[in-house]
N, C-alpha and C. Protein backbone atom coordinates (compact mmCIF):
# COMPACT_ATOMS: atom_id res chain seq x y z
N UNK A 1 -24.21 -40.94 -0.48
CA UNK A 1 -24.01 -40.36 -1.78
C UNK A 1 -24.13 -38.84 -1.73
N UNK A 2 -25.11 -38.33 -0.98
CA UNK A 2 -25.31 -36.89 -0.86
C UNK A 2 -24.11 -36.24 -0.17
N UNK A 3 -23.58 -36.88 0.84
CA UNK A 3 -22.43 -36.31 1.55
C UNK A 3 -21.22 -36.22 0.64
N UNK A 4 -21.07 -37.14 -0.31
CA UNK A 4 -19.97 -37.10 -1.26
C UNK A 4 -20.11 -35.90 -2.21
N UNK A 5 -21.32 -35.64 -2.66
CA UNK A 5 -21.59 -34.49 -3.52
C UNK A 5 -21.33 -33.19 -2.76
N UNK A 6 -21.79 -33.10 -1.52
CA UNK A 6 -21.58 -31.91 -0.71
C UNK A 6 -20.09 -31.68 -0.43
N UNK A 7 -19.39 -32.75 -0.13
CA UNK A 7 -17.95 -32.64 0.12
C UNK A 7 -17.22 -32.16 -1.13
N UNK A 8 -17.62 -32.66 -2.29
CA UNK A 8 -17.00 -32.24 -3.56
C UNK A 8 -17.26 -30.77 -3.81
N UNK A 9 -18.48 -30.31 -3.56
CA UNK A 9 -18.81 -28.89 -3.74
C UNK A 9 -17.99 -28.01 -2.81
N UNK A 10 -17.84 -28.42 -1.58
CA UNK A 10 -17.05 -27.65 -0.62
C UNK A 10 -15.60 -27.55 -1.08
N UNK A 11 -15.04 -28.66 -1.52
CA UNK A 11 -13.66 -28.66 -1.99
C UNK A 11 -13.51 -27.76 -3.22
N UNK A 12 -14.45 -27.83 -4.14
CA UNK A 12 -14.39 -26.99 -5.34
C UNK A 12 -14.46 -25.52 -4.97
N UNK A 13 -15.34 -25.14 -4.05
CA UNK A 13 -15.44 -23.75 -3.64
C UNK A 13 -14.19 -23.28 -2.92
N UNK A 14 -13.64 -24.09 -2.04
CA UNK A 14 -12.43 -23.70 -1.30
C UNK A 14 -11.26 -23.54 -2.26
N UNK A 15 -11.05 -24.51 -3.14
CA UNK A 15 -9.94 -24.44 -4.09
C UNK A 15 -10.14 -23.25 -5.04
N UNK A 16 -11.34 -23.05 -5.52
CA UNK A 16 -11.62 -21.93 -6.40
C UNK A 16 -11.37 -20.59 -5.74
N UNK A 17 -11.80 -20.45 -4.50
CA UNK A 17 -11.58 -19.21 -3.76
C UNK A 17 -10.10 -18.95 -3.58
N UNK A 18 -9.36 -19.98 -3.21
CA UNK A 18 -7.91 -19.83 -3.00
C UNK A 18 -7.19 -19.47 -4.30
N UNK A 19 -7.63 -20.04 -5.41
CA UNK A 19 -7.01 -19.71 -6.69
C UNK A 19 -7.33 -18.28 -7.12
N UNK A 20 -8.57 -17.86 -6.91
CA UNK A 20 -8.97 -16.51 -7.31
C UNK A 20 -8.31 -15.42 -6.48
N UNK A 21 -8.04 -15.70 -5.22
CA UNK A 21 -7.46 -14.69 -4.34
C UNK A 21 -5.97 -14.88 -4.11
N UNK A 22 -5.34 -15.78 -4.85
CA UNK A 22 -3.92 -16.08 -4.62
C UNK A 22 -3.03 -14.86 -4.85
N UNK A 23 -3.26 -14.10 -5.91
CA UNK A 23 -2.42 -12.95 -6.21
C UNK A 23 -2.44 -11.91 -5.12
N UNK A 24 -3.64 -11.54 -4.68
CA UNK A 24 -3.73 -10.51 -3.64
C UNK A 24 -3.19 -11.01 -2.31
N UNK A 25 -3.42 -12.30 -2.03
CA UNK A 25 -2.88 -12.85 -0.77
C UNK A 25 -1.36 -12.85 -0.78
N UNK A 26 -0.75 -13.25 -1.89
CA UNK A 26 0.71 -13.29 -1.97
C UNK A 26 1.30 -11.89 -1.89
N UNK A 27 0.67 -10.94 -2.56
CA UNK A 27 1.16 -9.56 -2.52
C UNK A 27 1.04 -8.99 -1.11
N UNK A 28 -0.09 -9.23 -0.47
CA UNK A 28 -0.29 -8.76 0.90
C UNK A 28 0.70 -9.42 1.85
N UNK A 29 0.94 -10.70 1.65
CA UNK A 29 1.89 -11.41 2.51
C UNK A 29 3.31 -10.92 2.31
N UNK A 30 3.69 -10.62 1.07
CA UNK A 30 5.05 -10.14 0.81
C UNK A 30 5.29 -8.81 1.51
N UNK A 31 4.35 -7.90 1.40
CA UNK A 31 4.49 -6.59 2.05
C UNK A 31 4.41 -6.74 3.57
N UNK A 32 3.48 -7.55 4.05
CA UNK A 32 3.33 -7.76 5.49
C UNK A 32 4.57 -8.41 6.10
N UNK A 33 5.12 -9.37 5.38
CA UNK A 33 6.32 -10.05 5.87
C UNK A 33 7.49 -9.08 5.96
N UNK A 34 7.64 -8.24 4.95
CA UNK A 34 8.73 -7.28 4.94
C UNK A 34 8.59 -6.27 6.07
N UNK A 35 7.35 -5.85 6.34
CA UNK A 35 7.09 -4.88 7.41
C UNK A 35 6.95 -5.55 8.77
N UNK A 36 6.95 -6.87 8.80
CA UNK A 36 6.78 -7.66 10.02
C UNK A 36 5.47 -7.30 10.73
N UNK A 37 4.40 -7.33 9.95
CA UNK A 37 3.06 -7.01 10.43
C UNK A 37 2.11 -8.13 10.06
N UNK A 38 1.00 -8.26 10.78
CA UNK A 38 -0.02 -9.21 10.33
C UNK A 38 -0.65 -8.70 9.02
N UNK A 39 -1.02 -9.61 8.13
CA UNK A 39 -1.58 -9.20 6.82
C UNK A 39 -2.87 -8.40 6.90
N UNK A 40 -3.50 -8.34 8.05
CA UNK A 40 -4.78 -7.64 8.17
C UNK A 40 -4.64 -6.16 7.81
N UNK A 41 -3.48 -5.55 8.04
CA UNK A 41 -3.29 -4.14 7.70
C UNK A 41 -3.39 -3.93 6.19
N UNK A 42 -2.70 -4.77 5.43
CA UNK A 42 -2.71 -4.64 3.98
C UNK A 42 -4.07 -5.06 3.42
N UNK A 43 -4.62 -6.16 3.94
CA UNK A 43 -5.89 -6.66 3.43
C UNK A 43 -7.04 -5.69 3.68
N UNK A 44 -7.03 -5.01 4.82
CA UNK A 44 -8.10 -4.03 5.07
C UNK A 44 -7.98 -2.85 4.12
N UNK A 45 -6.75 -2.44 3.81
CA UNK A 45 -6.56 -1.36 2.85
C UNK A 45 -7.04 -1.80 1.47
N UNK A 46 -6.70 -3.03 1.08
CA UNK A 46 -7.11 -3.55 -0.23
C UNK A 46 -8.63 -3.63 -0.35
N UNK A 47 -9.29 -4.02 0.73
CA UNK A 47 -10.74 -4.17 0.67
C UNK A 47 -11.45 -2.84 0.51
N UNK A 48 -10.87 -1.76 1.03
CA UNK A 48 -11.51 -0.46 0.92
C UNK A 48 -11.04 0.34 -0.29
N UNK A 49 -10.01 -0.14 -0.99
CA UNK A 49 -9.52 0.55 -2.19
C UNK A 49 -10.51 0.45 -3.34
N UNK A 50 -11.24 -0.63 -3.37
CA UNK A 50 -12.07 -0.91 -4.52
C UNK A 50 -11.41 -2.00 -5.34
N UNK A 51 -12.21 -2.71 -6.08
CA UNK A 51 -11.72 -3.89 -6.81
C UNK A 51 -10.63 -3.55 -7.82
N UNK A 52 -10.86 -2.53 -8.63
CA UNK A 52 -9.90 -2.19 -9.68
C UNK A 52 -8.59 -1.66 -9.09
N UNK A 53 -8.69 -0.75 -8.13
CA UNK A 53 -7.49 -0.19 -7.52
C UNK A 53 -6.71 -1.25 -6.74
N UNK A 54 -7.42 -2.17 -6.08
CA UNK A 54 -6.75 -3.24 -5.34
C UNK A 54 -6.00 -4.16 -6.30
N UNK A 55 -6.60 -4.44 -7.44
CA UNK A 55 -5.91 -5.27 -8.44
C UNK A 55 -4.67 -4.56 -8.96
N UNK A 56 -4.78 -3.27 -9.22
CA UNK A 56 -3.63 -2.49 -9.67
C UNK A 56 -2.53 -2.48 -8.61
N UNK A 57 -2.92 -2.35 -7.35
CA UNK A 57 -1.94 -2.32 -6.26
C UNK A 57 -1.23 -3.67 -6.14
N UNK A 58 -1.99 -4.76 -6.19
CA UNK A 58 -1.36 -6.08 -6.08
C UNK A 58 -0.49 -6.38 -7.30
N UNK A 59 -0.92 -5.95 -8.48
CA UNK A 59 -0.09 -6.11 -9.66
C UNK A 59 1.20 -5.31 -9.53
N UNK A 60 1.09 -4.15 -8.92
CA UNK A 60 2.24 -3.26 -8.74
C UNK A 60 3.31 -3.88 -7.85
N UNK A 61 2.89 -4.61 -6.81
CA UNK A 61 3.87 -5.16 -5.87
C UNK A 61 4.17 -6.64 -6.06
N UNK A 62 3.61 -7.29 -7.08
CA UNK A 62 3.86 -8.72 -7.23
C UNK A 62 5.27 -9.03 -7.67
N UNK A 63 5.92 -8.16 -8.39
CA UNK A 63 7.30 -8.41 -8.81
C UNK A 63 8.25 -8.28 -7.63
N UNK A 64 9.48 -8.72 -7.83
CA UNK A 64 10.48 -8.62 -6.78
C UNK A 64 11.25 -7.30 -6.90
N UNK A 65 10.53 -6.22 -7.07
CA UNK A 65 11.15 -4.91 -7.24
C UNK A 65 11.16 -4.20 -5.89
N UNK A 66 12.36 -3.86 -5.42
CA UNK A 66 12.51 -3.22 -4.11
C UNK A 66 11.84 -1.85 -4.06
N UNK A 67 11.95 -1.08 -5.14
CA UNK A 67 11.35 0.25 -5.14
C UNK A 67 9.82 0.17 -5.11
N UNK A 68 9.25 -0.87 -5.73
CA UNK A 68 7.79 -1.04 -5.68
C UNK A 68 7.35 -1.40 -4.27
N UNK A 69 8.13 -2.22 -3.57
CA UNK A 69 7.80 -2.54 -2.17
C UNK A 69 7.91 -1.29 -1.30
N UNK A 70 8.94 -0.47 -1.53
CA UNK A 70 9.10 0.79 -0.80
C UNK A 70 7.88 1.69 -1.02
N UNK A 71 7.46 1.80 -2.27
CA UNK A 71 6.31 2.66 -2.59
C UNK A 71 5.02 2.09 -2.02
N UNK A 72 4.88 0.76 -2.04
CA UNK A 72 3.69 0.13 -1.47
C UNK A 72 3.66 0.35 0.05
N UNK A 73 4.83 0.30 0.68
CA UNK A 73 4.89 0.57 2.12
C UNK A 73 4.51 2.01 2.40
N UNK A 74 4.90 2.93 1.52
CA UNK A 74 4.52 4.33 1.68
C UNK A 74 3.01 4.51 1.51
N UNK A 75 2.41 3.79 0.57
CA UNK A 75 0.95 3.85 0.39
C UNK A 75 0.26 3.32 1.65
N UNK A 76 0.77 2.23 2.19
CA UNK A 76 0.20 1.68 3.43
C UNK A 76 0.38 2.66 4.58
N UNK A 77 1.54 3.30 4.65
CA UNK A 77 1.77 4.33 5.68
C UNK A 77 0.76 5.45 5.55
N UNK A 78 0.57 5.95 4.33
CA UNK A 78 -0.38 7.05 4.11
C UNK A 78 -1.79 6.59 4.48
N UNK A 79 -2.14 5.37 4.12
CA UNK A 79 -3.45 4.81 4.48
C UNK A 79 -3.61 4.79 6.01
N UNK A 80 -2.62 4.25 6.70
CA UNK A 80 -2.72 4.09 8.15
C UNK A 80 -2.70 5.42 8.89
N UNK A 81 -1.90 6.37 8.39
CA UNK A 81 -1.75 7.65 9.10
C UNK A 81 -2.80 8.67 8.66
N UNK A 82 -3.22 8.64 7.42
CA UNK A 82 -4.18 9.63 6.95
C UNK A 82 -5.62 9.17 7.13
N UNK A 83 -5.91 7.93 6.78
CA UNK A 83 -7.29 7.44 6.81
C UNK A 83 -7.64 6.83 8.16
N UNK A 84 -6.79 5.94 8.67
CA UNK A 84 -7.12 5.18 9.88
C UNK A 84 -6.96 6.01 11.15
N UNK A 85 -5.76 6.54 11.40
CA UNK A 85 -5.49 7.27 12.65
C UNK A 85 -4.36 8.26 12.41
N UNK A 86 -4.65 9.55 12.51
CA UNK A 86 -3.64 10.57 12.25
C UNK A 86 -2.98 11.08 13.52
N UNK A 87 -3.09 10.32 14.61
CA UNK A 87 -2.48 10.74 15.86
C UNK A 87 -0.97 10.61 15.85
N UNK A 88 -0.33 11.36 16.73
CA UNK A 88 1.14 11.36 16.80
C UNK A 88 1.69 9.99 17.19
N UNK A 89 1.00 9.28 18.07
CA UNK A 89 1.47 7.95 18.48
C UNK A 89 1.45 6.98 17.30
N UNK A 90 0.42 7.05 16.46
CA UNK A 90 0.34 6.19 15.28
C UNK A 90 1.42 6.58 14.27
N UNK A 91 1.67 7.86 14.11
CA UNK A 91 2.74 8.31 13.21
C UNK A 91 4.09 7.77 13.68
N UNK A 92 4.34 7.85 14.97
CA UNK A 92 5.59 7.35 15.53
C UNK A 92 5.70 5.84 15.31
N UNK A 93 4.62 5.12 15.52
CA UNK A 93 4.62 3.66 15.33
C UNK A 93 4.96 3.29 13.90
N UNK A 94 4.32 3.95 12.93
CA UNK A 94 4.57 3.63 11.53
C UNK A 94 5.94 4.08 11.07
N UNK A 95 6.47 5.13 11.64
CA UNK A 95 7.85 5.52 11.36
C UNK A 95 8.80 4.42 11.81
N UNK A 96 8.56 3.87 12.98
CA UNK A 96 9.41 2.79 13.49
C UNK A 96 9.27 1.53 12.63
N UNK A 97 8.06 1.23 12.18
CA UNK A 97 7.84 0.04 11.33
C UNK A 97 8.62 0.17 10.03
N UNK A 98 8.55 1.33 9.39
CA UNK A 98 9.29 1.52 8.14
C UNK A 98 10.80 1.49 8.35
N UNK A 99 11.26 2.09 9.42
CA UNK A 99 12.69 2.09 9.72
C UNK A 99 13.18 0.68 9.99
N UNK A 100 12.42 -0.09 10.74
CA UNK A 100 12.79 -1.47 11.06
C UNK A 100 12.85 -2.33 9.80
N UNK A 101 12.00 -2.04 8.82
CA UNK A 101 11.97 -2.79 7.56
C UNK A 101 13.00 -2.28 6.55
N UNK A 102 13.81 -1.30 6.95
CA UNK A 102 14.84 -0.70 6.11
C UNK A 102 14.25 0.01 4.90
N UNK A 103 13.09 0.64 5.12
CA UNK A 103 12.48 1.50 4.11
C UNK A 103 12.69 2.94 4.54
N UNK A 104 12.74 3.84 3.58
CA UNK A 104 12.86 5.25 3.90
C UNK A 104 11.58 5.73 4.59
N UNK A 105 11.71 6.35 5.76
CA UNK A 105 10.52 6.82 6.47
C UNK A 105 10.06 8.21 6.02
N UNK A 106 10.51 8.66 4.86
CA UNK A 106 10.12 9.96 4.32
C UNK A 106 9.12 9.73 3.19
N UNK A 107 8.01 10.46 3.23
CA UNK A 107 7.00 10.37 2.18
C UNK A 107 7.36 11.40 1.11
N UNK A 108 7.62 10.92 -0.10
CA UNK A 108 7.93 11.83 -1.20
C UNK A 108 6.65 12.28 -1.88
N UNK A 109 6.79 13.33 -2.68
CA UNK A 109 5.63 13.84 -3.43
C UNK A 109 5.12 12.78 -4.40
N UNK A 110 6.03 12.04 -5.02
CA UNK A 110 5.64 11.00 -5.97
C UNK A 110 4.87 9.88 -5.27
N UNK A 111 5.30 9.51 -4.08
CA UNK A 111 4.59 8.47 -3.33
C UNK A 111 3.21 8.95 -2.91
N UNK A 112 3.10 10.22 -2.59
CA UNK A 112 1.80 10.79 -2.24
C UNK A 112 0.85 10.73 -3.44
N UNK A 113 1.35 11.05 -4.62
CA UNK A 113 0.53 10.98 -5.83
C UNK A 113 0.14 9.55 -6.15
N UNK A 114 1.08 8.61 -5.94
CA UNK A 114 0.79 7.20 -6.15
C UNK A 114 -0.32 6.74 -5.20
N UNK A 115 -0.21 7.14 -3.94
CA UNK A 115 -1.23 6.78 -2.95
C UNK A 115 -2.59 7.37 -3.32
N UNK A 116 -2.59 8.59 -3.81
CA UNK A 116 -3.86 9.20 -4.22
C UNK A 116 -4.48 8.43 -5.38
N UNK A 117 -3.65 7.89 -6.25
CA UNK A 117 -4.16 7.08 -7.36
C UNK A 117 -4.76 5.78 -6.88
N UNK A 118 -4.07 5.11 -5.96
CA UNK A 118 -4.58 3.84 -5.46
C UNK A 118 -5.79 4.02 -4.55
N UNK A 119 -5.85 5.12 -3.83
CA UNK A 119 -6.94 5.37 -2.89
C UNK A 119 -8.01 6.28 -3.49
N UNK A 120 -8.08 6.31 -4.82
CA UNK A 120 -8.97 7.24 -5.51
C UNK A 120 -10.44 7.07 -5.18
N UNK A 121 -10.87 5.86 -4.87
CA UNK A 121 -12.29 5.66 -4.55
C UNK A 121 -12.68 6.29 -3.22
N UNK A 122 -11.70 6.54 -2.37
CA UNK A 122 -11.97 7.21 -1.10
C UNK A 122 -11.97 8.73 -1.25
N UNK A 123 -11.63 9.19 -2.47
CA UNK A 123 -11.59 10.61 -2.82
C UNK A 123 -10.79 11.42 -1.79
N UNK A 124 -9.49 11.13 -1.66
CA UNK A 124 -8.69 11.90 -0.70
C UNK A 124 -8.47 13.33 -1.18
N UNK A 125 -8.38 14.25 -0.24
CA UNK A 125 -8.15 15.65 -0.54
C UNK A 125 -6.65 15.89 -0.66
N UNK A 126 -6.23 16.44 -1.78
CA UNK A 126 -4.80 16.62 -2.04
C UNK A 126 -4.14 17.56 -1.03
N UNK A 127 -4.80 18.67 -0.68
CA UNK A 127 -4.22 19.61 0.27
C UNK A 127 -4.05 18.98 1.65
N UNK A 128 -5.06 18.22 2.07
CA UNK A 128 -4.97 17.56 3.38
C UNK A 128 -3.86 16.52 3.39
N UNK A 129 -3.75 15.76 2.30
CA UNK A 129 -2.70 14.74 2.24
C UNK A 129 -1.32 15.39 2.17
N UNK A 130 -1.21 16.51 1.48
CA UNK A 130 0.07 17.20 1.42
C UNK A 130 0.43 17.77 2.79
N UNK A 131 -0.56 18.28 3.52
CA UNK A 131 -0.31 18.77 4.87
C UNK A 131 0.12 17.62 5.78
N UNK A 132 -0.49 16.46 5.63
CA UNK A 132 -0.09 15.28 6.40
C UNK A 132 1.35 14.90 6.07
N UNK A 133 1.69 14.92 4.79
CA UNK A 133 3.04 14.59 4.36
C UNK A 133 4.06 15.54 4.98
N UNK A 134 3.76 16.83 4.94
CA UNK A 134 4.68 17.80 5.53
C UNK A 134 4.78 17.62 7.05
N UNK A 135 3.66 17.33 7.69
CA UNK A 135 3.67 17.09 9.14
C UNK A 135 4.48 15.85 9.48
N UNK A 136 4.26 14.76 8.72
CA UNK A 136 4.99 13.52 8.97
C UNK A 136 6.49 13.72 8.72
N UNK A 137 6.84 14.26 7.57
CA UNK A 137 8.24 14.47 7.24
C UNK A 137 8.90 15.46 8.19
N UNK A 138 8.16 16.48 8.60
CA UNK A 138 8.69 17.46 9.54
C UNK A 138 8.96 16.87 10.91
N UNK A 139 8.17 15.87 11.28
CA UNK A 139 8.35 15.23 12.58
C UNK A 139 9.57 14.32 12.62
N UNK A 140 9.91 13.72 11.48
CA UNK A 140 10.93 12.67 11.50
C UNK A 140 12.13 12.94 10.59
N UNK A 141 12.05 13.91 9.70
CA UNK A 141 13.14 14.15 8.76
C UNK A 141 13.81 15.47 9.08
N UNK A 142 15.03 15.62 8.59
CA UNK A 142 15.77 16.86 8.80
C UNK A 142 15.09 18.04 8.12
N UNK A 143 14.70 17.85 6.87
CA UNK A 143 14.05 18.91 6.12
C UNK A 143 12.86 18.36 5.37
N UNK A 144 12.01 19.25 4.94
CA UNK A 144 10.82 18.84 4.20
C UNK A 144 11.08 19.07 2.72
N UNK A 145 10.80 18.07 1.93
CA UNK A 145 10.93 18.19 0.48
C UNK A 145 9.81 19.09 -0.02
N UNK A 146 10.18 20.12 -0.75
CA UNK A 146 9.18 21.06 -1.25
C UNK A 146 8.56 20.53 -2.53
N UNK A 147 7.39 21.03 -2.84
CA UNK A 147 6.66 20.62 -4.05
C UNK A 147 7.54 20.81 -5.27
N UNK A 148 7.68 19.74 -6.05
CA UNK A 148 8.45 19.81 -7.28
C UNK A 148 9.95 19.72 -7.10
N UNK A 149 10.41 19.62 -5.88
CA UNK A 149 11.84 19.58 -5.62
C UNK A 149 12.23 18.16 -5.29
N UNK A 150 12.99 17.52 -6.16
CA UNK A 150 13.42 16.15 -5.92
C UNK A 150 14.89 16.15 -5.55
N UNK A 151 15.22 15.50 -4.45
CA UNK A 151 16.60 15.47 -3.98
C UNK A 151 17.42 14.44 -4.73
N UNK A 152 16.80 13.41 -5.22
CA UNK A 152 17.52 12.37 -5.93
C UNK A 152 16.64 11.81 -7.04
N UNK A 153 17.26 11.14 -7.97
CA UNK A 153 16.52 10.51 -9.06
C UNK A 153 15.71 9.35 -8.50
N UNK A 154 14.51 9.16 -8.98
CA UNK A 154 13.64 8.12 -8.45
C UNK A 154 13.16 7.19 -9.55
N UNK A 155 12.73 6.01 -9.16
CA UNK A 155 12.21 5.03 -10.10
C UNK A 155 10.70 5.09 -10.21
N UNK A 156 10.08 6.07 -9.59
CA UNK A 156 8.62 6.17 -9.60
C UNK A 156 8.12 6.64 -10.96
N UNK A 157 7.00 6.09 -11.36
CA UNK A 157 6.32 6.55 -12.55
C UNK A 157 4.89 6.86 -12.15
N UNK A 158 4.24 7.67 -12.94
CA UNK A 158 2.86 8.01 -12.63
C UNK A 158 1.97 6.78 -12.81
N UNK A 159 0.86 6.76 -12.11
CA UNK A 159 -0.06 5.64 -12.19
C UNK A 159 -0.64 5.50 -13.59
N UNK A 160 -0.94 6.61 -14.25
CA UNK A 160 -1.47 6.54 -15.61
C UNK A 160 -0.43 6.00 -16.59
N UNK A 161 0.85 6.35 -16.38
CA UNK A 161 1.91 5.78 -17.23
C UNK A 161 2.07 4.29 -16.97
N UNK A 162 1.93 3.87 -15.72
CA UNK A 162 2.01 2.46 -15.38
C UNK A 162 0.87 1.67 -16.03
N UNK A 163 -0.33 2.25 -15.99
CA UNK A 163 -1.49 1.59 -16.62
C UNK A 163 -1.28 1.46 -18.13
N UNK A 164 -0.70 2.49 -18.75
CA UNK A 164 -0.48 2.45 -20.20
C UNK A 164 0.54 1.37 -20.57
N UNK A 165 1.51 1.13 -19.71
CA UNK A 165 2.51 0.10 -19.98
C UNK A 165 1.95 -1.31 -19.86
N UNK A 166 0.97 -1.48 -18.95
CA UNK A 166 0.46 -2.83 -18.67
C UNK A 166 -0.93 -2.93 -19.12
């Protein structure tokens, strides 16, 4: 009789855990699948973002919106290149990952601001991140997009505007 109660408790905890984490797991899997990476890259970023920012990030990429996936990939790129390892070999690796996934390997100013919003609990320095952006774009792009200069119309919105909508 005791083993039946214990088995029931285990099943309830496992099912409950899977239901509570389903959204973040699906979002992480969608981005990981598109980038052809193990989910550990996205999940480690989500765990260090903080609970609120991680929920906002997973809500941001849960829809089937291609531009949101592109922006999420840019946030992951900024996380991996700025926070995890800023070496040239890592930059080259992530450039190849984005190119292979058919995402633009250029970090725009709007994507940098979006990443700063999602990574706000880590308190990233704007000047350092902008220098990283210029270094990354300078290494792989023909020209560097200057502050406030947009080459094309974008679907990006500010994080505060996104929060106000939802």
